[in-house]
Amino acid sequence: MHADKTALIEGELTDRVIGSFYAVYNELGHGFLESVYENALAIALRDVGLQVQTQACLTVQYRGHIVGDFKATFWSPKKSSLSSRPYRISCQPMRPNL
């Protein structure tokens, strides 16, 4: 048997994320600051059963070495493309890029 090449690997998850995005956009419209949409989308994602953390500080490792920090707008420890890689949540404050 051949798998349907048009099917998404995480089809249900993708549907919930995109549906949440459109729910926020359709209700709020345009013109707000990014932080308003971020907060609203976090609520919408939680409403559809996803566990998300906003503004998560992640330490990125490569071959066992820390190579930097990354601030993810949304982080889901159970359902994330990053969760299977060597990342860990960091409590270190982010340094500004100069």
PDB file of N, CA and C in Angstrom:
ATOM      1  N   MET A   1       0.835  -1.182   0.000  1.00  0.00           N
ATOM      2  CA  MET A   1       0.000   0.000   0.000  1.00  0.00           C
ATOM      3  C   MET A   1       0.879   1.243   0.000  1.00  0.00           C
ATOM      4  N   HIS A   2       0.428   2.252  -0.683  1.00  0.00           N
ATOM      5  CA  HIS A   2       1.140   3.521  -0.730  1.00  0.00           C
ATOM      6  C   HIS A   2       0.373   4.558   0.064  1.00  0.00           C
ATOM      7  N   ALA A   3       1.099   5.310   0.864  1.00  0.00           N
ATOM      8  CA  ALA A   3       0.472   6.374   1.651  1.00  0.00           C
ATOM      9  C   ALA A   3       0.073   7.517   0.720  1.00  0.00           C
ATOM     10  N   ASP A   4      -1.002   8.186   1.083  1.00  0.00           N
ATOM     11  CA  ASP A   4      -1.449   9.356   0.329  1.00  0.00           C
ATOM     12  C   ASP A   4      -0.420  10.463   0.506  1.00  0.00           C
ATOM     13  N   LYS A   5       0.251  10.836  -0.566  1.00  0.00           N
ATOM     14  CA  LYS A   5       1.327  11.826  -0.472  1.00  0.00           C
ATOM     15  C   LYS A   5       0.806  13.232  -0.207  1.00  0.00           C
ATOM     16  N   THR A   6      -0.494  13.444  -0.356  1.00  0.00           N
ATOM     17  CA  THR A   6      -1.051  14.763  -0.078  1.00  0.00           C
ATOM     18  C   THR A   6      -1.477  14.912   1.377  1.00  0.00           C
ATOM     19  N   ALA A   7      -1.514  13.808   2.118  1.00  0.00           N
ATOM     20  CA  ALA A   7      -1.920  13.864   3.526  1.00  0.00           C
ATOM     21  C   ALA A   7      -0.791  14.452   4.370  1.00  0.00           C
ATOM     22  N   LEU A   8      -1.162  15.306   5.306  1.00  0.00           N
ATOM     23  CA  LEU A   8      -0.176  15.897   6.208  1.00  0.00           C
ATOM     24  C   LEU A   8       0.185  14.908   7.304  1.00  0.00           C
ATOM     25  N   ILE A   9       1.422  14.950   7.758  1.00  0.00           N
ATOM     26  CA  ILE A   9       1.865  14.055   8.827  1.00  0.00           C
ATOM     27  C   ILE A   9       1.054  14.306  10.093  1.00  0.00           C
ATOM     28  N   GLU A  10       0.841  15.538  10.425  1.00  0.00           N
ATOM     29  CA  GLU A  10       0.056  15.927  11.602  1.00  0.00           C
ATOM     30  C   GLU A  10      -1.176  16.696  11.139  1.00  0.00           C
ATOM     31  N   GLY A  11      -1.992  16.049  10.308  1.00  0.00           N
ATOM     32  CA  GLY A  11      -3.140  16.708   9.705  1.00  0.00           C
ATOM     33  C   GLY A  11      -4.115  17.300  10.702  1.00  0.00           C
ATOM     34  N   GLU A  12      -4.470  16.540  11.737  1.00  0.00           N
ATOM     35  CA  GLU A  12      -5.426  17.034  12.733  1.00  0.00           C
ATOM     36  C   GLU A  12      -4.855  18.230  13.496  1.00  0.00           C
ATOM     37  N   LEU A  13      -3.586  18.137  13.868  1.00  0.00           N
ATOM     38  CA  LEU A  13      -2.926  19.236  14.565  1.00  0.00           C
ATOM     39  C   LEU A  13      -2.878  20.482  13.685  1.00  0.00           C
ATOM     40  N   THR A  14      -2.517  20.290  12.420  1.00  0.00           N
ATOM     41  CA  THR A  14      -2.463  21.405  11.480  1.00  0.00           C
ATOM     42  C   THR A  14      -3.826  22.062  11.336  1.00  0.00           C
ATOM     43  N   ASP A  15      -4.874  21.261  11.242  1.00  0.00           N
ATOM     44  CA  ASP A  15      -6.232  21.801  11.137  1.00  0.00           C
ATOM     45  C   ASP A  15      -6.589  22.640  12.359  1.00  0.00           C
ATOM     46  N   ARG A  16      -6.212  22.166  13.549  1.00  0.00           N
ATOM     47  CA  ARG A  16      -6.544  22.906  14.770  1.00  0.00           C
ATOM     48  C   ARG A  16      -5.770  24.217  14.852  1.00  0.00           C
ATOM     49  N   VAL A  17      -4.497  24.205  14.449  1.00  0.00           N
ATOM     50  CA  VAL A  17      -3.682  25.421  14.506  1.00  0.00           C
ATOM     51  C   VAL A  17      -4.192  26.447  13.494  1.00  0.00           C
ATOM     52  N   ILE A  18      -4.398  26.019  12.265  1.00  0.00           N
ATOM     53  CA  ILE A  18      -4.881  26.946  11.242  1.00  0.00           C
ATOM     54  C   ILE A  18      -6.286  27.434  11.575  1.00  0.00           C
ATOM     55  N   GLY A  19      -7.134  26.541  12.061  1.00  0.00           N
ATOM     56  CA  GLY A  19      -8.485  26.941  12.465  1.00  0.00           C
ATOM     57  C   GLY A  19      -8.455  27.974  13.577  1.00  0.00           C
ATOM     58  N   SER A  20      -7.545  27.804  14.522  1.00  0.00           N
ATOM     59  CA  SER A  20      -7.406  28.766  15.619  1.00  0.00           C
ATOM     60  C   SER A  20      -6.943  30.115  15.097  1.00  0.00           C
ATOM     61  N   PHE A  21      -6.000  30.089  14.168  1.00  0.00           N
ATOM     62  CA  PHE A  21      -5.528  31.343  13.568  1.00  0.00           C
ATOM     63  C   PHE A  21      -6.687  32.097  12.923  1.00  0.00           C
ATOM     64  N   TYR A  22      -7.473  31.395  12.113  1.00  0.00           N
ATOM     65  CA  TYR A  22      -8.579  32.066  11.435  1.00  0.00           C
ATOM     66  C   TYR A  22      -9.660  32.514  12.413  1.00  0.00           C
ATOM     67  N   ALA A  23      -9.886  31.762  13.468  1.00  0.00           N
ATOM     68  CA  ALA A  23     -10.874  32.179  14.473  1.00  0.00           C
ATOM     69  C   ALA A  23     -10.461  33.508  15.102  1.00  0.00           C
ATOM     70  N   VAL A  24      -9.172  33.630  15.432  1.00  0.00           N
ATOM     71  CA  VAL A  24      -8.668  34.882  16.014  1.00  0.00           C
ATOM     72  C   VAL A  24      -8.779  36.007  15.002  1.00  0.00           C
ATOM     73  N   TYR A  25      -8.319  35.764  13.783  1.00  0.00           N
ATOM     74  CA  TYR A  25      -8.342  36.820  12.770  1.00  0.00           C
ATOM     75  C   TYR A  25      -9.774  37.257  12.456  1.00  0.00           C
ATOM     76  N   ASN A  26     -10.686  36.298  12.309  1.00  0.00           N
ATOM     77  CA  ASN A  26     -12.068  36.642  11.980  1.00  0.00           C
ATOM     78  C   ASN A  26     -12.745  37.419  13.098  1.00  0.00           C
ATOM     79  N   GLU A  27     -12.375  37.138  14.343  1.00  0.00           N
ATOM     80  CA  GLU A  27     -13.004  37.837  15.469  1.00  0.00           C
ATOM     81  C   GLU A  27     -12.370  39.195  15.734  1.00  0.00           C
ATOM     82  N   LEU A  28     -11.051  39.287  15.653  1.00  0.00           N
ATOM     83  CA  LEU A  28     -10.375  40.540  15.984  1.00  0.00           C
ATOM     84  C   LEU A  28     -10.141  41.450  14.779  1.00  0.00           C
ATOM     85  N   GLY A  29     -10.047  40.868  13.598  1.00  0.00           N
ATOM     86  CA  GLY A  29      -9.731  41.677  12.430  1.00  0.00           C
ATOM     87  C   GLY A  29      -8.263  42.070  12.421  1.00  0.00           C
ATOM     88  N   HIS A  30      -7.957  43.127  11.696  1.00  0.00           N
ATOM     89  CA  HIS A  30      -6.561  43.553  11.583  1.00  0.00           C
ATOM     90  C   HIS A  30      -6.355  44.873  12.321  1.00  0.00           C
ATOM     91  N   GLY A  31      -5.082  45.204  12.549  1.00  0.00           N
ATOM     92  CA  GLY A  31      -4.747  46.508  13.096  1.00  0.00           C
ATOM     93  C   GLY A  31      -4.208  46.528  14.516  1.00  0.00           C
ATOM     94  N   PHE A  32      -4.197  45.375  15.179  1.00  0.00           N
ATOM     95  CA  PHE A  32      -3.677  45.346  16.551  1.00  0.00           C
ATOM     96  C   PHE A  32      -2.182  45.031  16.542  1.00  0.00           C
ATOM     97  N   LEU A  33      -1.551  45.262  17.678  1.00  0.00           N
ATOM     98  CA  LEU A  33      -0.157  44.878  17.845  1.00  0.00           C
ATOM     99  C   LEU A  33      -0.029  43.362  17.825  1.00  0.00           C
ATOM    100  N   GLU A  34       1.158  42.892  17.465  1.00  0.00           N
ATOM    101  CA  GLU A  34       1.408  41.450  17.407  1.00  0.00           C
ATOM    102  C   GLU A  34       1.119  40.779  18.748  1.00  0.00           C
ATOM    103  N   SER A  35       1.416  41.466  19.847  1.00  0.00           N
ATOM    104  CA  SER A  35       1.210  40.870  21.172  1.00  0.00           C
ATOM    105  C   SER A  35      -0.266  40.563  21.431  1.00  0.00           C
ATOM    106  N   VAL A  36      -1.173  41.360  20.881  1.00  0.00           N
ATOM    107  CA  VAL A  36      -2.609  41.112  21.037  1.00  0.00           C
ATOM    108  C   VAL A  36      -2.981  39.803  20.345  1.00  0.00           C
ATOM    109  N   TYR A  37      -2.515  39.632  19.117  1.00  0.00           N
ATOM    110  CA  TYR A  37      -2.802  38.398  18.377  1.00  0.00           C
ATOM    111  C   TYR A  37      -2.130  37.186  19.025  1.00  0.00           C
ATOM    112  N   GLU A  38      -0.932  37.381  19.537  1.00  0.00           N
ATOM    113  CA  GLU A  38      -0.224  36.286  20.212  1.00  0.00           C
ATOM    114  C   GLU A  38      -1.018  35.790  21.416  1.00  0.00           C
ATOM    115  N   ASN A  39      -1.493  36.721  22.236  1.00  0.00           N
ATOM    116  CA  ASN A  39      -2.274  36.345  23.418  1.00  0.00           C
ATOM    117  C   ASN A  39      -3.594  35.692  23.033  1.00  0.00           C
ATOM    118  N   ALA A  40      -4.260  36.235  22.023  1.00  0.00           N
ATOM    119  CA  ALA A  40      -5.530  35.667  21.576  1.00  0.00           C
ATOM    120  C   ALA A  40      -5.325  34.279  20.973  1.00  0.00           C
ATOM    121  N   LEU A  41      -4.258  34.104  20.195  1.00  0.00           N
ATOM    122  CA  LEU A  41      -3.998  32.798  19.593  1.00  0.00           C
ATOM    123  C   LEU A  41      -3.650  31.767  20.650  1.00  0.00           C
ATOM    124  N   ALA A  42      -2.946  32.164  21.683  1.00  0.00           N
ATOM    125  CA  ALA A  42      -2.644  31.226  22.774  1.00  0.00           C
ATOM    126  C   ALA A  42      -3.941  30.741  23.413  1.00  0.00           C
ATOM    127  N   ILE A  43      -4.885  31.646  23.613  1.00  0.00           N
ATOM    128  CA  ILE A  43      -6.190  31.265  24.180  1.00  0.00           C
ATOM    129  C   ILE A  43      -6.917  30.317  23.231  1.00  0.00           C
ATOM    130  N   ALA A  44      -6.933  30.659  21.943  1.00  0.00           N
ATOM    131  CA  ALA A  44      -7.628  29.829  20.956  1.00  0.00           C
ATOM    132  C   ALA A  44      -7.008  28.439  20.855  1.00  0.00           C
ATOM    133  N   LEU A  45      -5.676  28.359  20.901  1.00  0.00           N
ATOM    134  CA  LEU A  45      -5.005  27.052  20.838  1.00  0.00           C
ATOM    135  C   LEU A  45      -5.323  26.214  22.064  1.00  0.00           C
ATOM    136  N   ARG A  46      -5.358  26.849  23.219  1.00  0.00           N
ATOM    137  CA  ARG A  46      -5.716  26.109  24.442  1.00  0.00           C
ATOM    138  C   ARG A  46      -7.172  25.660  24.393  1.00  0.00           C
ATOM    139  N   ASP A  47      -8.029  26.486  23.809  1.00  0.00           N
ATOM    140  CA  ASP A  47      -9.449  26.135  23.691  1.00  0.00           C
ATOM    141  C   ASP A  47      -9.674  24.895  22.836  1.00  0.00           C
ATOM    142  N   VAL A  48      -8.775  24.613  21.898  1.00  0.00           N
ATOM    143  CA  VAL A  48      -8.914  23.411  21.067  1.00  0.00           C
ATOM    144  C   VAL A  48      -8.070  22.257  21.611  1.00  0.00           C
ATOM    145  N   GLY A  49      -7.605  22.409  22.862  1.00  0.00           N
ATOM    146  CA  GLY A  49      -6.949  21.297  23.542  1.00  0.00           C
ATOM    147  C   GLY A  49      -5.448  21.214  23.414  1.00  0.00           C
ATOM    148  N   LEU A  50      -4.800  22.241  22.883  1.00  0.00           N
ATOM    149  CA  LEU A  50      -3.345  22.205  22.766  1.00  0.00           C
ATOM    150  C   LEU A  50      -2.704  22.866  23.977  1.00  0.00           C
ATOM    151  N   GLN A  51      -1.620  22.286  24.436  1.00  0.00           N
ATOM    152  CA  GLN A  51      -0.850  22.882  25.522  1.00  0.00           C
ATOM    153  C   GLN A  51       0.235  23.738  24.885  1.00  0.00           C
ATOM    154  N   VAL A  52       0.167  25.039  25.132  1.00  0.00           N
ATOM    155  CA  VAL A  52       1.169  25.937  24.556  1.00  0.00           C
ATOM    156  C   VAL A  52       1.726  26.856  25.622  1.00  0.00           C
ATOM    157  N   GLN A  53       2.964  27.202  25.437  1.00  0.00           N
ATOM    158  CA  GLN A  53       3.637  28.194  26.273  1.00  0.00           C
ATOM    159  C   GLN A  53       4.078  29.304  25.327  1.00  0.00           C
ATOM    160  N   THR A  54       3.883  30.542  25.735  1.00  0.00           N
ATOM    161  CA  THR A  54       4.289  31.654  24.882  1.00  0.00           C
ATOM    162  C   THR A  54       5.632  32.207  25.345  1.00  0.00           C
ATOM    163  N   GLN A  55       6.362  32.749  24.388  1.00  0.00           N
ATOM    164  CA  GLN A  55       7.665  33.371  24.636  1.00  0.00           C
ATOM    165  C   GLN A  55       8.606  32.450  25.421  1.00  0.00           C
ATOM    166  N   ALA A  56       8.671  31.210  25.010  1.00  0.00           N
ATOM    167  CA  ALA A  56       9.523  30.223  25.669  1.00  0.00           C
ATOM    168  C   ALA A  56      10.975  30.417  25.263  1.00  0.00           C
ATOM    169  N   CYS A  57      11.844  30.483  26.246  1.00  0.00           N
ATOM    170  CA  CYS A  57      13.279  30.588  25.982  1.00  0.00           C
ATOM    171  C   CYS A  57      13.848  29.177  25.870  1.00  0.00           C
ATOM    172  N   LEU A  58      14.428  28.880  24.730  1.00  0.00           N
ATOM    173  CA  LEU A  58      14.975  27.555  24.478  1.00  0.00           C
ATOM    174  C   LEU A  58      16.480  27.653  24.282  1.00  0.00           C
ATOM    175  N   THR A  59      17.188  26.715  24.841  1.00  0.00           N
ATOM    176  CA  THR A  59      18.621  26.606  24.598  1.00  0.00           C
ATOM    177  C   THR A  59      18.806  25.590  23.483  1.00  0.00           C
ATOM    178  N   VAL A  60      19.521  25.969  22.450  1.00  0.00           N
ATOM    179  CA  VAL A  60      19.718  25.106  21.288  1.00  0.00           C
ATOM    180  C   VAL A  60      21.062  24.411  21.414  1.00  0.00           C
ATOM    181  N   GLN A  61      21.039  23.093  21.222  1.00  0.00           N
ATOM    182  CA  GLN A  61      22.265  22.315  21.282  1.00  0.00           C
ATOM    183  C   GLN A  61      22.533  21.691  19.920  1.00  0.00           C
ATOM    184  N   TYR A  62      23.793  21.578  19.604  1.00  0.00           N
ATOM    185  CA  TYR A  62      24.228  20.913  18.384  1.00  0.00           C
ATOM    186  C   TYR A  62      25.366  19.980  18.750  1.00  0.00           C
ATOM    187  N   ARG A  63      25.161  18.697  18.528  1.00  0.00           N
ATOM    188  CA  ARG A  63      26.164  17.672  18.831  1.00  0.00           C
ATOM    189  C   ARG A  63      26.674  17.785  20.262  1.00  0.00           C
ATOM    190  N   GLY A  64      25.736  18.026  21.173  1.00  0.00           N
ATOM    191  CA  GLY A  64      26.083  18.074  22.581  1.00  0.00           C
ATOM    192  C   GLY A  64      26.634  19.396  23.074  1.00  0.00           C
ATOM    193  N   HIS A  65      26.692  20.391  22.201  1.00  0.00           N
ATOM    194  CA  HIS A  65      27.216  21.707  22.577  1.00  0.00           C
ATOM    195  C   HIS A  65      26.113  22.747  22.491  1.00  0.00           C
ATOM    196  N   ILE A  66      26.066  23.631  23.472  1.00  0.00           N
ATOM    197  CA  ILE A  66      25.113  24.731  23.426  1.00  0.00           C
ATOM    198  C   ILE A  66      25.605  25.730  22.391  1.00  0.00           C
ATOM    199  N   VAL A  67      24.753  26.028  21.408  1.00  0.00           N
ATOM    200  CA  VAL A  67      25.143  26.942  20.335  1.00  0.00           C
ATOM    201  C   VAL A  67      24.355  28.248  20.355  1.00  0.00           C
ATOM    202  N   GLY A  68      23.398  28.361  21.265  1.00  0.00           N
ATOM    203  CA  GLY A  68      22.664  29.621  21.344  1.00  0.00           C
ATOM    204  C   GLY A  68      21.322  29.460  22.017  1.00  0.00           C
ATOM    205  N   ASP A  69      20.652  30.576  22.124  1.00  0.00           N
ATOM    206  CA  ASP A  69      19.313  30.622  22.695  1.00  0.00           C
ATOM    207  C   ASP A  69      18.332  31.044  21.612  1.00  0.00           C
ATOM    208  N   PHE A  70      17.111  30.586  21.762  1.00  0.00           N
ATOM    209  CA  PHE A  70      16.061  30.912  20.806  1.00  0.00           C
ATOM    210  C   PHE A  70      14.799  31.216  21.583  1.00  0.00           C
ATOM    211  N   LYS A  71      14.136  32.285  21.265  1.00  0.00           N
ATOM    212  CA  LYS A  71      12.886  32.636  21.924  1.00  0.00           C
ATOM    213  C   LYS A  71      11.740  32.290  20.981  1.00  0.00           C
ATOM    214  N   ALA A  72      11.026  31.231  21.319  1.00  0.00           N
ATOM    215  CA  ALA A  72       9.920  30.769  20.490  1.00  0.00           C
ATOM    216  C   ALA A  72       8.639  31.498  20.877  1.00  0.00           C
ATOM    217  N   THR A  73       7.927  32.002  19.902  1.00  0.00           N
ATOM    218  CA  THR A  73       6.659  32.674  20.182  1.00  0.00           C
ATOM    219  C   THR A  73       5.694  31.702  20.835  1.00  0.00           C
ATOM    220  N   PHE A  74       5.599  30.483  20.284  1.00  0.00           N
ATOM    221  CA  PHE A  74       4.766  29.431  20.861  1.00  0.00           C
ATOM    222  C   PHE A  74       5.601  28.162  20.978  1.00  0.00           C
ATOM    223  N   TRP A  75       5.414  27.468  22.060  1.00  0.00           N
ATOM    224  CA  TRP A  75       6.128  26.215  22.294  1.00  0.00           C
ATOM    225  C   TRP A  75       5.147  25.212  22.862  1.00  0.00           C
ATOM    226  N   SER A  76       5.115  24.050  22.272  1.00  0.00           N
ATOM    227  CA  SER A  76       4.264  22.982  22.770  1.00  0.00           C
ATOM    228  C   SER A  76       5.148  21.776  23.047  1.00  0.00           C
ATOM    229  N   PRO A  77       5.367  21.448  24.312  1.00  0.00           N
ATOM    230  CA  PRO A  77       6.289  20.354  24.625  1.00  0.00           C
ATOM    231  C   PRO A  77       5.816  18.994  24.124  1.00  0.00           C
ATOM    232  N   LYS A  78       4.516  18.811  23.951  1.00  0.00           N
ATOM    233  CA  LYS A  78       4.016  17.504  23.516  1.00  0.00           C
ATOM    234  C   LYS A  78       3.868  17.411  22.008  1.00  0.00           C
ATOM    235  N   LYS A  79       3.552  18.502  21.351  1.00  0.00           N
ATOM    236  CA  LYS A  79       3.340  18.488  19.908  1.00  0.00           C
ATOM    237  C   LYS A  79       4.121  19.608  19.266  1.00  0.00           C
ATOM    238  N   SER A  80       5.364  19.348  18.972  1.00  0.00           N
ATOM    239  CA  SER A  80       6.195  20.369  18.351  1.00  0.00           C
ATOM    240  C   SER A  80       7.245  19.697  17.500  1.00  0.00           C
ATOM    241  N   SER A  81       7.550  20.311  16.381  1.00  0.00           N
ATOM    242  CA  SER A  81       8.619  19.756  15.553  1.00  0.00           C
ATOM    243  C   SER A  81       9.953  19.851  16.271  1.00  0.00           C
ATOM    244  N   LEU A  82      10.025  20.719  17.283  1.00  0.00           N
ATOM    245  CA  LEU A  82      11.265  20.874  18.030  1.00  0.00           C
ATOM    246  C   LEU A  82      11.407  19.860  19.153  1.00  0.00           C
ATOM    247  N   SER A  83      10.299  19.239  19.559  1.00  0.00           N
ATOM    248  CA  SER A  83      10.331  18.416  20.763  1.00  0.00           C
ATOM    249  C   SER A  83      11.189  17.159  20.615  1.00  0.00           C
ATOM    250  N   SER A  84      11.411  16.707  19.416  1.00  0.00           N
ATOM    251  CA  SER A  84      12.220  15.504  19.240  1.00  0.00           C
ATOM    252  C   SER A  84      13.702  15.818  19.067  1.00  0.00           C
ATOM    253  N   ARG A  85      14.053  17.068  19.109  1.00  0.00           N
ATOM    254  CA  ARG A  85      15.445  17.479  18.949  1.00  0.00           C
ATOM    255  C   ARG A  85      16.026  17.859  20.306  1.00  0.00           C
ATOM    256  N   PRO A  86      17.330  18.029  20.392  1.00  0.00           N
ATOM    257  CA  PRO A  86      17.954  18.321  21.693  1.00  0.00           C
ATOM    258  C   PRO A  86      17.781  19.771  22.135  1.00  0.00           C
ATOM    259  N   TYR A  87      16.567  20.138  22.465  1.00  0.00           N
ATOM    260  CA  TYR A  87      16.263  21.462  22.983  1.00  0.00           C
ATOM    261  C   TYR A  87      15.796  21.305  24.418  1.00  0.00           C
ATOM    262  N   ARG A  88      16.028  22.315  25.218  1.00  0.00           N
ATOM    263  CA  ARG A  88      15.463  22.305  26.556  1.00  0.00           C
ATOM    264  C   ARG A  88      15.047  23.729  26.887  1.00  0.00           C
ATOM    265  N   ILE A  89      14.040  23.858  27.728  1.00  0.00           N
ATOM    266  CA  ILE A  89      13.593  25.184  28.105  1.00  0.00           C
ATOM    267  C   ILE A  89      14.621  25.794  29.030  1.00  0.00           C
ATOM    268  N   SER A  90      14.979  27.015  28.747  1.00  0.00           N
ATOM    269  CA  SER A  90      15.995  27.717  29.511  1.00  0.00           C
ATOM    270  C   SER A  90      15.360  28.823  30.338  1.00  0.00           C
ATOM    271  N   CYS A  91      15.848  29.022  31.517  1.00  0.00           N
ATOM    272  CA  CYS A  91      15.367  30.111  32.366  1.00  0.00           C
ATOM    273  C   CYS A  91      16.243  31.343  32.214  1.00  0.00           C
ATOM    274  N   GLN A  92      17.213  31.280  31.335  1.00  0.00           N
ATOM    275  CA  GLN A  92      18.103  32.415  31.157  1.00  0.00           C
ATOM    276  C   GLN A  92      17.382  33.523  30.407  1.00  0.00           C
ATOM    277  N   PRO A  93      17.577  34.775  30.814  1.00  0.00           N
ATOM    278  CA  PRO A  93      16.958  35.875  30.061  1.00  0.00           C
ATOM    279  C   PRO A  93      17.590  35.981  28.680  1.00  0.00           C
ATOM    280  N   MET A  94      16.793  36.407  27.723  1.00  0.00           N
ATOM    281  CA  MET A  94      17.293  36.575  26.371  1.00  0.00           C
ATOM    282  C   MET A  94      18.181  37.817  26.300  1.00  0.00           C
ATOM    283  N   ARG A  95      19.266  37.705  25.574  1.00  0.00           N
ATOM    284  CA  ARG A  95      20.139  38.847  25.351  1.00  0.00           C
ATOM    285  C   ARG A  95      19.674  39.554  24.090  1.00  0.00           C
ATOM    286  N   PRO A  96      19.658  40.889  24.108  1.00  0.00           N
ATOM    287  CA  PRO A  96      19.249  41.585  22.884  1.00  0.00           C
ATOM    288  C   PRO A  96      20.306  41.446  21.802  1.00  0.00           C
ATOM    289  N   ASN A  97      19.847  41.389  20.560  1.00  0.00           N
ATOM    290  CA  ASN A  97      20.779  41.372  19.421  1.00  0.00           C
ATOM    291  C   ASN A  97      21.242  42.788  19.163  1.00  0.00           C
ATOM    292  N   LEU A  98      22.532  42.973  19.131  1.00  0.00           N
ATOM    293  CA  LEU A  98      23.082  44.312  18.892  1.00  0.00           C
ATOM    294  C   LEU A  98      23.664  44.402  17.506  1.00  0.00           C
TER     295      LEU A  98
END
